[in-house]
């Protein structure tokens, strides 16, 4: 398998926004292939940006996303750099706070530095509450239940990636024979 980054994103002090962090913590206790790095980036967007340019073939970002679904709904999104609203290699002159970068800002940041980013997937969870709005810490019941679903989803994506890599290598070996 090529190198894969699994990145938990979120703020544990803002209710369901801590979802990505919780999933990353659970995954870090699982047995995963040695080419998989699981990191809880929390709100360290600048660190995530630099990690995305560190030679990974695939990055799986884990975060909340409001997709107007029932709370706790998990979906897999394959964002395109165009979704971030910036052309590759361009900088729109934006200023950012390195500890408050959302995934779109991270994509803008790495795009402005060139095309060294990996293929991106996002395992997203529909939040019920965000602590900044509701004034509490901790995940809601619906999002807590979705954590294990997301862990299974990430593991399935890693298995798919491994099978795809093995298939590609088998096809290359057959071609050379």
N, C-alpha and C. Protein backbone atom coordinates (compact mmCIF):
# COMPACT_ATOMS: atom_id res chain seq x y z
N UNK A 1 0.85 -1.18 0.00
CA UNK A 1 0.00 0.00 0.00
C UNK A 1 0.89 1.24 0.00
N UNK A 2 0.47 2.25 -0.75
CA UNK A 2 1.14 3.55 -0.69
C UNK A 2 0.88 4.19 0.65
N UNK A 3 1.68 5.20 1.00
CA UNK A 3 1.49 5.90 2.26
C UNK A 3 0.13 6.59 2.31
N UNK A 4 -0.54 6.44 3.46
CA UNK A 4 -1.86 7.02 3.65
C UNK A 4 -1.85 7.81 4.95
N UNK A 5 -2.42 9.01 4.91
CA UNK A 5 -2.62 9.83 6.10
C UNK A 5 -4.09 9.81 6.45
N UNK A 6 -4.40 9.46 7.70
CA UNK A 6 -5.76 9.56 8.22
C UNK A 6 -5.73 10.70 9.22
N UNK A 7 -6.48 11.76 8.93
CA UNK A 7 -6.39 13.00 9.69
C UNK A 7 -7.70 13.35 10.38
N UNK A 8 -7.69 13.33 11.71
CA UNK A 8 -8.84 13.80 12.48
C UNK A 8 -8.78 15.31 12.58
N UNK A 9 -9.91 15.96 12.31
CA UNK A 9 -9.99 17.41 12.30
C UNK A 9 -11.14 17.83 13.21
N UNK A 10 -10.94 18.87 13.99
CA UNK A 10 -12.05 19.40 14.78
C UNK A 10 -11.59 20.02 16.08
N UNK A 11 -12.57 20.57 16.79
CA UNK A 11 -12.32 21.25 18.05
C UNK A 11 -13.12 20.54 19.14
N UNK A 12 -12.42 19.87 20.05
CA UNK A 12 -13.10 19.09 21.09
C UNK A 12 -13.89 19.96 22.06
N UNK A 13 -13.66 21.27 22.04
CA UNK A 13 -14.38 22.18 22.93
C UNK A 13 -15.65 22.73 22.30
N UNK A 14 -16.00 22.21 21.10
CA UNK A 14 -17.18 22.72 20.40
C UNK A 14 -18.14 21.60 20.03
N UNK A 15 -18.54 20.80 21.03
CA UNK A 15 -19.57 19.79 20.81
C UNK A 15 -19.18 18.78 19.73
N UNK A 16 -20.08 18.60 18.78
CA UNK A 16 -19.89 17.60 17.73
C UNK A 16 -18.71 17.90 16.82
N UNK A 17 -18.17 19.10 16.86
CA UNK A 17 -17.00 19.42 16.05
C UNK A 17 -15.79 18.57 16.43
N UNK A 18 -15.82 17.96 17.61
CA UNK A 18 -14.74 17.09 18.05
C UNK A 18 -14.80 15.69 17.46
N UNK A 19 -15.76 15.43 16.58
CA UNK A 19 -15.95 14.11 15.97
C UNK A 19 -14.68 13.56 15.33
N UNK A 20 -14.03 14.34 14.48
CA UNK A 20 -12.83 13.87 13.77
C UNK A 20 -11.73 13.49 14.74
N UNK A 21 -11.60 14.25 15.82
CA UNK A 21 -10.58 13.95 16.84
C UNK A 21 -10.88 12.62 17.51
N UNK A 22 -12.14 12.38 17.85
CA UNK A 22 -12.52 11.13 18.52
C UNK A 22 -12.30 9.92 17.61
N UNK A 23 -12.64 10.05 16.34
CA UNK A 23 -12.43 8.95 15.40
C UNK A 23 -10.94 8.66 15.26
N UNK A 24 -10.12 9.71 15.15
CA UNK A 24 -8.67 9.52 15.03
C UNK A 24 -8.12 8.83 16.28
N UNK A 25 -8.59 9.22 17.45
CA UNK A 25 -8.13 8.57 18.69
C UNK A 25 -8.47 7.09 18.68
N UNK A 26 -9.68 6.75 18.27
CA UNK A 26 -10.08 5.33 18.23
C UNK A 26 -9.25 4.57 17.19
N UNK A 27 -9.05 5.16 16.02
CA UNK A 27 -8.26 4.49 14.98
C UNK A 27 -6.81 4.30 15.40
N UNK A 28 -6.28 5.21 16.19
CA UNK A 28 -4.88 5.09 16.62
C UNK A 28 -4.67 3.88 17.53
N UNK A 29 -5.75 3.34 18.06
CA UNK A 29 -5.66 2.15 18.91
C UNK A 29 -5.93 0.86 18.13
N UNK A 30 -6.21 0.98 16.83
CA UNK A 30 -6.48 -0.18 15.98
C UNK A 30 -5.20 -0.65 15.30
N UNK A 31 -5.20 -1.90 14.93
CA UNK A 31 -4.10 -2.42 14.13
C UNK A 31 -4.36 -2.05 12.68
N UNK A 32 -3.45 -1.25 12.13
CA UNK A 32 -3.58 -0.77 10.75
C UNK A 32 -2.29 -1.08 10.01
N UNK A 33 -2.33 -1.08 8.68
CA UNK A 33 -1.09 -1.30 7.92
C UNK A 33 -0.02 -0.29 8.31
N UNK A 34 1.24 -0.70 8.20
CA UNK A 34 2.34 0.16 8.65
C UNK A 34 2.50 1.42 7.81
N UNK A 35 1.96 1.46 6.61
CA UNK A 35 2.06 2.65 5.76
C UNK A 35 0.95 3.66 6.04
N UNK A 36 0.17 3.43 7.09
CA UNK A 36 -0.93 4.33 7.45
C UNK A 36 -0.55 5.11 8.70
N UNK A 37 -0.60 6.43 8.59
CA UNK A 37 -0.36 7.31 9.73
C UNK A 37 -1.69 7.93 10.15
N UNK A 38 -2.06 7.74 11.42
CA UNK A 38 -3.27 8.34 11.96
C UNK A 38 -2.83 9.49 12.87
N UNK A 39 -3.35 10.69 12.59
CA UNK A 39 -2.97 11.87 13.36
C UNK A 39 -4.23 12.65 13.72
N UNK A 40 -4.34 13.01 14.99
CA UNK A 40 -5.40 13.90 15.45
C UNK A 40 -4.86 15.32 15.32
N UNK A 41 -5.24 16.01 14.24
CA UNK A 41 -4.75 17.37 14.02
C UNK A 41 -5.55 18.39 14.81
N UNK A 42 -6.75 18.03 15.25
CA UNK A 42 -7.56 18.99 15.98
C UNK A 42 -7.75 20.26 15.17
N UNK A 43 -7.30 21.39 15.72
CA UNK A 43 -7.44 22.67 15.04
C UNK A 43 -6.12 23.15 14.43
N UNK A 44 -5.15 22.25 14.33
CA UNK A 44 -3.83 22.61 13.80
C UNK A 44 -3.82 22.51 12.27
N UNK A 45 -4.52 23.42 11.63
CA UNK A 45 -4.66 23.40 10.17
C UNK A 45 -3.35 23.55 9.42
N UNK A 46 -2.46 24.38 9.92
CA UNK A 46 -1.17 24.56 9.25
C UNK A 46 -0.39 23.25 9.26
N UNK A 47 -0.40 22.54 10.38
CA UNK A 47 0.28 21.24 10.45
C UNK A 47 -0.33 20.26 9.47
N UNK A 48 -1.66 20.26 9.36
CA UNK A 48 -2.33 19.39 8.39
C UNK A 48 -1.90 19.75 6.98
N UNK A 49 -1.84 21.02 6.67
CA UNK A 49 -1.44 21.45 5.33
C UNK A 49 -0.06 20.93 4.96
N UNK A 50 0.88 21.09 5.86
CA UNK A 50 2.23 20.58 5.58
C UNK A 50 2.25 19.06 5.49
N UNK A 51 1.50 18.38 6.34
CA UNK A 51 1.45 16.91 6.29
C UNK A 51 0.89 16.43 4.95
N UNK A 52 -0.08 17.15 4.41
CA UNK A 52 -0.67 16.75 3.13
C UNK A 52 0.33 16.82 1.98
N UNK A 53 1.41 17.57 2.16
CA UNK A 53 2.44 17.69 1.12
C UNK A 53 3.65 16.80 1.39
N UNK A 54 3.50 15.84 2.30
CA UNK A 54 4.64 15.04 2.74
C UNK A 54 4.72 13.67 2.04
N UNK A 55 4.25 13.59 0.82
CA UNK A 55 4.45 12.37 0.04
C UNK A 55 3.40 11.29 0.23
N UNK A 56 2.26 11.63 0.79
CA UNK A 56 1.18 10.64 0.93
C UNK A 56 0.48 10.46 -0.41
N UNK A 57 0.08 9.24 -0.71
CA UNK A 57 -0.69 8.96 -1.92
C UNK A 57 -2.17 9.27 -1.69
N UNK A 58 -2.62 9.07 -0.47
CA UNK A 58 -4.03 9.26 -0.11
C UNK A 58 -4.10 9.90 1.26
N UNK A 59 -5.02 10.84 1.43
CA UNK A 59 -5.31 11.41 2.74
C UNK A 59 -6.81 11.27 2.98
N UNK A 60 -7.15 10.70 4.13
CA UNK A 60 -8.54 10.57 4.54
C UNK A 60 -8.76 11.56 5.67
N UNK A 61 -9.53 12.61 5.40
CA UNK A 61 -9.84 13.62 6.39
C UNK A 61 -11.13 13.23 7.10
N UNK A 62 -11.16 13.36 8.41
CA UNK A 62 -12.35 13.00 9.19
C UNK A 62 -12.82 14.26 9.90
N UNK A 63 -14.06 14.66 9.61
CA UNK A 63 -14.56 15.93 10.15
C UNK A 63 -16.08 15.91 10.10
N UNK A 64 -16.68 16.96 10.67
CA UNK A 64 -18.12 17.15 10.53
C UNK A 64 -18.37 17.97 9.27
N UNK A 65 -19.56 17.80 8.70
CA UNK A 65 -19.96 18.59 7.55
C UNK A 65 -21.47 18.67 7.55
N UNK A 66 -21.99 19.86 7.44
CA UNK A 66 -23.43 20.04 7.40
C UNK A 66 -23.92 19.77 5.98
N UNK A 67 -24.54 18.62 5.81
CA UNK A 67 -25.06 18.21 4.51
C UNK A 67 -26.58 18.07 4.57
N UNK A 68 -27.18 18.66 5.60
CA UNK A 68 -28.64 18.64 5.77
C UNK A 68 -29.19 17.22 5.86
N UNK A 69 -28.45 16.35 6.55
CA UNK A 69 -28.86 14.97 6.79
C UNK A 69 -29.24 14.84 8.25
N UNK A 70 -29.82 13.71 8.65
CA UNK A 70 -30.08 13.50 10.08
C UNK A 70 -28.75 13.46 10.85
N UNK A 71 -28.72 13.98 12.08
CA UNK A 71 -27.48 13.97 12.88
C UNK A 71 -26.91 12.56 12.99
N UNK A 72 -25.59 12.48 12.83
CA UNK A 72 -24.89 11.19 12.91
C UNK A 72 -24.74 10.49 11.57
N UNK A 73 -25.32 11.03 10.51
CA UNK A 73 -25.19 10.43 9.18
C UNK A 73 -23.75 10.55 8.72
N UNK A 74 -23.18 9.43 8.27
CA UNK A 74 -21.80 9.39 7.77
C UNK A 74 -21.84 9.33 6.25
N UNK A 75 -20.98 10.12 5.61
CA UNK A 75 -20.84 10.03 4.16
C UNK A 75 -19.37 10.17 3.79
N UNK A 76 -19.03 9.67 2.62
CA UNK A 76 -17.67 9.80 2.11
C UNK A 76 -17.73 10.76 0.93
N UNK A 77 -16.89 11.77 0.99
CA UNK A 77 -16.83 12.81 -0.03
C UNK A 77 -15.42 12.79 -0.63
N UNK A 78 -15.34 12.93 -1.95
CA UNK A 78 -14.04 13.08 -2.59
C UNK A 78 -13.94 14.52 -3.09
N UNK A 79 -13.41 15.42 -2.24
CA UNK A 79 -13.36 16.83 -2.63
C UNK A 79 -12.33 17.06 -3.73
N UNK A 80 -12.64 17.96 -4.60
CA UNK A 80 -11.72 18.38 -5.64
C UNK A 80 -11.10 19.70 -5.19
N UNK A 81 -9.92 20.00 -5.65
CA UNK A 81 -9.29 21.25 -5.27
C UNK A 81 -10.14 22.43 -5.72
N UNK A 82 -10.88 22.27 -6.81
CA UNK A 82 -11.75 23.34 -7.27
C UNK A 82 -12.84 23.63 -6.24
N UNK A 83 -13.21 22.62 -5.42
CA UNK A 83 -14.21 22.83 -4.37
C UNK A 83 -13.73 23.87 -3.36
N UNK A 84 -12.43 24.04 -3.26
CA UNK A 84 -11.88 25.00 -2.31
C UNK A 84 -11.92 26.42 -2.86
N UNK A 85 -12.29 26.57 -4.13
CA UNK A 85 -12.44 27.90 -4.70
C UNK A 85 -11.15 28.57 -5.12
N UNK A 86 -10.14 27.78 -5.47
CA UNK A 86 -8.88 28.38 -5.89
C UNK A 86 -8.25 27.49 -6.96
N UNK A 87 -7.64 28.10 -7.94
CA UNK A 87 -6.94 27.36 -8.98
C UNK A 87 -5.59 26.89 -8.45
N UNK A 88 -5.13 25.78 -8.95
CA UNK A 88 -3.84 25.24 -8.53
C UNK A 88 -2.73 26.26 -8.75
N UNK A 89 -1.84 26.38 -7.74
CA UNK A 89 -0.70 27.26 -7.87
C UNK A 89 -1.02 28.73 -7.69
N UNK A 90 -2.26 29.06 -7.40
CA UNK A 90 -2.67 30.45 -7.25
C UNK A 90 -2.85 30.78 -5.79
N UNK A 91 -2.63 32.00 -5.45
CA UNK A 91 -2.93 32.49 -4.11
C UNK A 91 -3.88 33.66 -4.27
N UNK A 92 -4.95 33.65 -3.50
CA UNK A 92 -5.91 34.75 -3.62
C UNK A 92 -5.64 35.85 -2.61
N UNK A 93 -4.47 35.84 -1.98
CA UNK A 93 -4.10 36.89 -1.06
C UNK A 93 -4.81 36.81 0.28
N UNK A 94 -5.42 35.69 0.57
CA UNK A 94 -6.14 35.57 1.84
C UNK A 94 -5.17 35.48 3.00
N UNK A 95 -5.62 35.93 4.13
CA UNK A 95 -4.89 35.76 5.37
C UNK A 95 -5.60 34.69 6.16
N UNK A 96 -4.85 33.88 6.87
CA UNK A 96 -5.49 32.83 7.63
C UNK A 96 -4.86 32.72 9.00
N UNK A 97 -5.63 32.15 9.90
CA UNK A 97 -5.13 31.87 11.24
C UNK A 97 -4.71 30.41 11.24
N UNK A 98 -3.43 30.10 11.41
CA UNK A 98 -2.97 28.72 11.26
C UNK A 98 -3.60 27.74 12.25
N UNK A 99 -4.18 28.22 13.33
CA UNK A 99 -4.83 27.31 14.28
C UNK A 99 -6.34 27.30 14.10
N UNK A 100 -6.84 27.91 13.05
CA UNK A 100 -8.28 27.94 12.83
C UNK A 100 -8.61 27.70 11.37
N UNK A 101 -7.81 26.88 10.70
CA UNK A 101 -8.03 26.62 9.28
C UNK A 101 -9.01 25.47 9.12
N UNK A 102 -10.08 25.71 8.36
CA UNK A 102 -10.97 24.61 8.04
C UNK A 102 -10.40 23.87 6.83
N UNK A 103 -10.95 22.69 6.49
CA UNK A 103 -10.37 21.93 5.37
C UNK A 103 -10.30 22.70 4.06
N UNK A 104 -11.28 23.55 3.76
CA UNK A 104 -11.22 24.32 2.52
C UNK A 104 -10.03 25.28 2.53
N UNK A 105 -9.76 25.91 3.67
CA UNK A 105 -8.61 26.81 3.76
C UNK A 105 -7.30 26.03 3.64
N UNK A 106 -7.26 24.82 4.20
CA UNK A 106 -6.07 23.99 4.07
C UNK A 106 -5.82 23.67 2.61
N UNK A 107 -6.88 23.32 1.86
CA UNK A 107 -6.73 23.04 0.44
C UNK A 107 -6.24 24.27 -0.32
N UNK A 108 -6.76 25.44 0.04
CA UNK A 108 -6.28 26.68 -0.59
C UNK A 108 -4.80 26.87 -0.31
N UNK A 109 -4.43 26.64 0.94
CA UNK A 109 -3.03 26.82 1.35
C UNK A 109 -2.11 25.91 0.56
N UNK A 110 -2.41 24.60 0.50
CA UNK A 110 -1.50 23.69 -0.19
C UNK A 110 -1.55 23.90 -1.69
N UNK A 111 -2.70 24.33 -2.22
CA UNK A 111 -2.78 24.61 -3.65
C UNK A 111 -1.88 25.78 -4.02
N UNK A 112 -1.79 26.76 -3.13
CA UNK A 112 -0.95 27.92 -3.43
C UNK A 112 0.53 27.56 -3.45
N UNK A 113 0.88 26.42 -2.86
CA UNK A 113 2.28 26.00 -2.82
C UNK A 113 2.64 25.02 -3.94
N UNK A 114 1.68 24.67 -4.78
CA UNK A 114 1.96 23.76 -5.88
C UNK A 114 1.16 22.49 -5.78
N UNK A 115 1.45 21.55 -6.66
CA UNK A 115 0.65 20.33 -6.78
C UNK A 115 1.34 19.14 -6.15
N UNK A 116 1.51 19.16 -4.84
CA UNK A 116 2.13 18.03 -4.16
C UNK A 116 1.13 17.35 -3.22
N UNK A 117 -0.12 17.55 -3.45
CA UNK A 117 -1.12 17.01 -2.53
C UNK A 117 -1.53 15.59 -2.93
N UNK A 118 -1.97 14.83 -1.97
CA UNK A 118 -2.43 13.47 -2.26
C UNK A 118 -3.88 13.48 -2.74
N UNK A 119 -4.34 12.33 -3.19
CA UNK A 119 -5.78 12.15 -3.44
C UNK A 119 -6.47 12.32 -2.09
N UNK A 120 -7.60 13.01 -2.08
CA UNK A 120 -8.29 13.30 -0.83
C UNK A 120 -9.64 12.60 -0.76
N UNK A 121 -9.93 12.05 0.41
CA UNK A 121 -11.27 11.56 0.74
C UNK A 121 -11.64 12.18 2.07
N UNK A 122 -12.90 12.41 2.28
CA UNK A 122 -13.35 12.95 3.56
C UNK A 122 -14.47 12.05 4.08
N UNK A 123 -14.28 11.57 5.31
CA UNK A 123 -15.34 10.84 6.00
C UNK A 123 -16.00 11.89 6.89
N UNK A 124 -17.21 12.27 6.52
CA UNK A 124 -17.90 13.38 7.17
C UNK A 124 -19.10 12.89 7.96
N UNK A 125 -19.36 13.57 9.06
CA UNK A 125 -20.50 13.26 9.91
C UNK A 125 -21.38 14.51 10.03
N UNK A 126 -22.67 14.30 9.90
CA UNK A 126 -23.62 15.40 10.10
C UNK A 126 -23.70 15.71 11.59
N UNK A 127 -23.33 16.93 12.00
CA UNK A 127 -23.39 17.27 13.42
C UNK A 127 -24.83 17.54 13.87
N UNK A 128 -25.05 17.36 15.15
CA UNK A 128 -26.32 17.77 15.75
C UNK A 128 -26.15 19.13 16.41
N UNK A 129 -25.04 19.27 17.14
CA UNK A 129 -24.76 20.54 17.82
C UNK A 129 -23.29 20.86 17.67
N UNK A 130 -23.01 22.12 17.69
CA UNK A 130 -21.63 22.57 17.78
C UNK A 130 -21.54 23.39 19.05
N UNK A 131 -20.59 23.05 19.91
CA UNK A 131 -20.51 23.63 21.25
C UNK A 131 -20.49 25.13 21.30
N UNK A 132 -19.87 25.77 20.30
CA UNK A 132 -19.84 27.22 20.29
C UNK A 132 -21.24 27.81 20.22
N UNK A 133 -22.14 27.08 19.55
CA UNK A 133 -23.52 27.54 19.42
C UNK A 133 -24.36 27.11 20.62
N UNK A 134 -24.09 25.94 21.14
CA UNK A 134 -24.91 25.38 22.20
C UNK A 134 -24.29 25.52 23.59
N UNK A 135 -23.00 25.90 23.64
CA UNK A 135 -22.35 26.14 24.91
C UNK A 135 -22.00 24.90 25.71
N UNK A 136 -21.65 23.80 25.05
CA UNK A 136 -21.23 22.62 25.80
C UNK A 136 -20.14 21.84 25.07
N UNK A 137 -19.44 21.04 25.85
CA UNK A 137 -18.41 20.15 25.29
C UNK A 137 -19.00 18.77 25.12
N UNK A 138 -18.32 17.95 24.35
CA UNK A 138 -18.72 16.56 24.18
C UNK A 138 -19.62 16.36 22.98
N UNK A 139 -19.59 15.13 22.49
CA UNK A 139 -20.38 14.77 21.32
C UNK A 139 -21.82 14.48 21.72
N UNK A 140 -22.75 14.81 20.83
CA UNK A 140 -24.16 14.45 21.03
C UNK A 140 -24.28 12.93 20.93
N UNK A 141 -25.40 12.40 21.37
CA UNK A 141 -25.63 10.94 21.33
C UNK A 141 -25.57 10.41 19.90
N UNK A 142 -26.17 11.13 18.96
CA UNK A 142 -26.19 10.67 17.56
C UNK A 142 -24.78 10.62 16.98
N UNK A 143 -23.97 11.61 17.27
CA UNK A 143 -22.62 11.66 16.72
C UNK A 143 -21.71 10.67 17.46
N UNK A 144 -21.93 10.47 18.76
CA UNK A 144 -21.18 9.45 19.49
C UNK A 144 -21.42 8.08 18.86
N UNK A 145 -22.66 7.78 18.53
CA UNK A 145 -22.98 6.50 17.88
C UNK A 145 -22.33 6.38 16.51
N UNK A 146 -22.12 7.50 15.85
CA UNK A 146 -21.52 7.49 14.51
C UNK A 146 -20.02 7.28 14.52
N UNK A 147 -19.38 7.42 15.66
CA UNK A 147 -17.92 7.29 15.73
C UNK A 147 -17.49 5.89 15.27
N UNK A 148 -18.11 4.85 15.80
CA UNK A 148 -17.72 3.49 15.39
C UNK A 148 -18.05 3.22 13.93
N UNK A 149 -19.13 3.81 13.43
CA UNK A 149 -19.47 3.68 12.01
C UNK A 149 -18.36 4.29 11.17
N UNK A 150 -17.87 5.45 11.59
CA UNK A 150 -16.79 6.12 10.85
C UNK A 150 -15.49 5.31 10.92
N UNK A 151 -15.21 4.73 12.08
CA UNK A 151 -14.00 3.89 12.21
C UNK A 151 -14.08 2.74 11.21
N UNK A 152 -15.23 2.08 11.13
CA UNK A 152 -15.40 0.99 10.16
C UNK A 152 -15.26 1.50 8.73
N UNK A 153 -15.83 2.67 8.45
CA UNK A 153 -15.75 3.24 7.10
C UNK A 153 -14.31 3.53 6.71
N UNK A 154 -13.54 4.11 7.61
CA UNK A 154 -12.13 4.40 7.32
C UNK A 154 -11.38 3.09 7.07
N UNK A 155 -11.63 2.09 7.89
CA UNK A 155 -10.94 0.80 7.71
C UNK A 155 -11.31 0.18 6.36
N UNK A 156 -12.56 0.31 5.94
CA UNK A 156 -12.97 -0.19 4.62
C UNK A 156 -12.26 0.57 3.51
N UNK A 157 -12.15 1.89 3.65
CA UNK A 157 -11.43 2.68 2.64
C UNK A 157 -9.97 2.26 2.56
N UNK A 158 -9.36 1.97 3.70
CA UNK A 158 -7.97 1.51 3.71
C UNK A 158 -7.85 0.15 3.04
N UNK A 159 -8.81 -0.74 3.30
CA UNK A 159 -8.80 -2.06 2.64
C UNK A 159 -8.96 -1.90 1.14
N UNK A 160 -9.88 -1.02 0.72
CA UNK A 160 -10.08 -0.77 -0.71
C UNK A 160 -8.80 -0.24 -1.35
N UNK A 161 -8.14 0.68 -0.66
CA UNK A 161 -6.89 1.24 -1.16
C UNK A 161 -5.83 0.15 -1.30
N UNK A 162 -5.76 -0.72 -0.30
CA UNK A 162 -4.78 -1.80 -0.33
C UNK A 162 -5.08 -2.77 -1.47
N UNK A 163 -6.34 -3.13 -1.64
CA UNK A 163 -6.73 -4.02 -2.74
C UNK A 163 -6.46 -3.38 -4.08
N UNK A 164 -6.73 -2.10 -4.20
CA UNK A 164 -6.46 -1.39 -5.46
C UNK A 164 -4.99 -1.36 -5.78
N UNK A 165 -4.17 -1.13 -4.77
CA UNK A 165 -2.71 -1.12 -4.95
C UNK A 165 -2.23 -2.51 -5.33
N UNK A 166 -2.73 -3.54 -4.62
CA UNK A 166 -2.33 -4.91 -4.93
C UNK A 166 -2.74 -5.27 -6.35
N UNK A 167 -3.96 -4.84 -6.77
CA UNK A 167 -4.44 -5.12 -8.12
C UNK A 167 -3.55 -4.44 -9.15
N UNK A 168 -3.19 -3.15 -8.90
CA UNK A 168 -2.32 -2.42 -9.82
C UNK A 168 -0.97 -3.12 -9.96
N UNK A 169 -0.41 -3.59 -8.83
CA UNK A 169 0.89 -4.26 -8.86
C UNK A 169 0.78 -5.60 -9.61
N UNK A 170 -0.34 -6.32 -9.42
CA UNK A 170 -0.55 -7.59 -10.11
C UNK A 170 -0.64 -7.36 -11.62
N UNK A 171 -1.38 -6.32 -12.03
CA UNK A 171 -1.53 -6.01 -13.44
C UNK A 171 -0.18 -5.62 -14.04
N UNK A 172 0.62 -4.87 -13.32
CA UNK A 172 1.95 -4.47 -13.79
C UNK A 172 2.83 -5.70 -13.94
N UNK A 173 2.80 -6.60 -12.95
CA UNK A 173 3.60 -7.82 -13.00
C UNK A 173 3.18 -8.68 -14.19
N UNK A 174 1.87 -8.78 -14.44
CA UNK A 174 1.37 -9.59 -15.56
C UNK A 174 1.79 -8.97 -16.90
N UNK A 175 1.80 -7.66 -16.97
CA UNK A 175 2.21 -6.97 -18.19
C UNK A 175 3.68 -7.21 -18.48
N UNK A 176 4.51 -7.20 -17.42
CA UNK A 176 5.94 -7.39 -17.61
C UNK A 176 6.30 -8.83 -17.94
N UNK A 177 5.46 -9.78 -17.57
CA UNK A 177 5.78 -11.20 -17.77
C UNK A 177 5.70 -11.62 -19.20
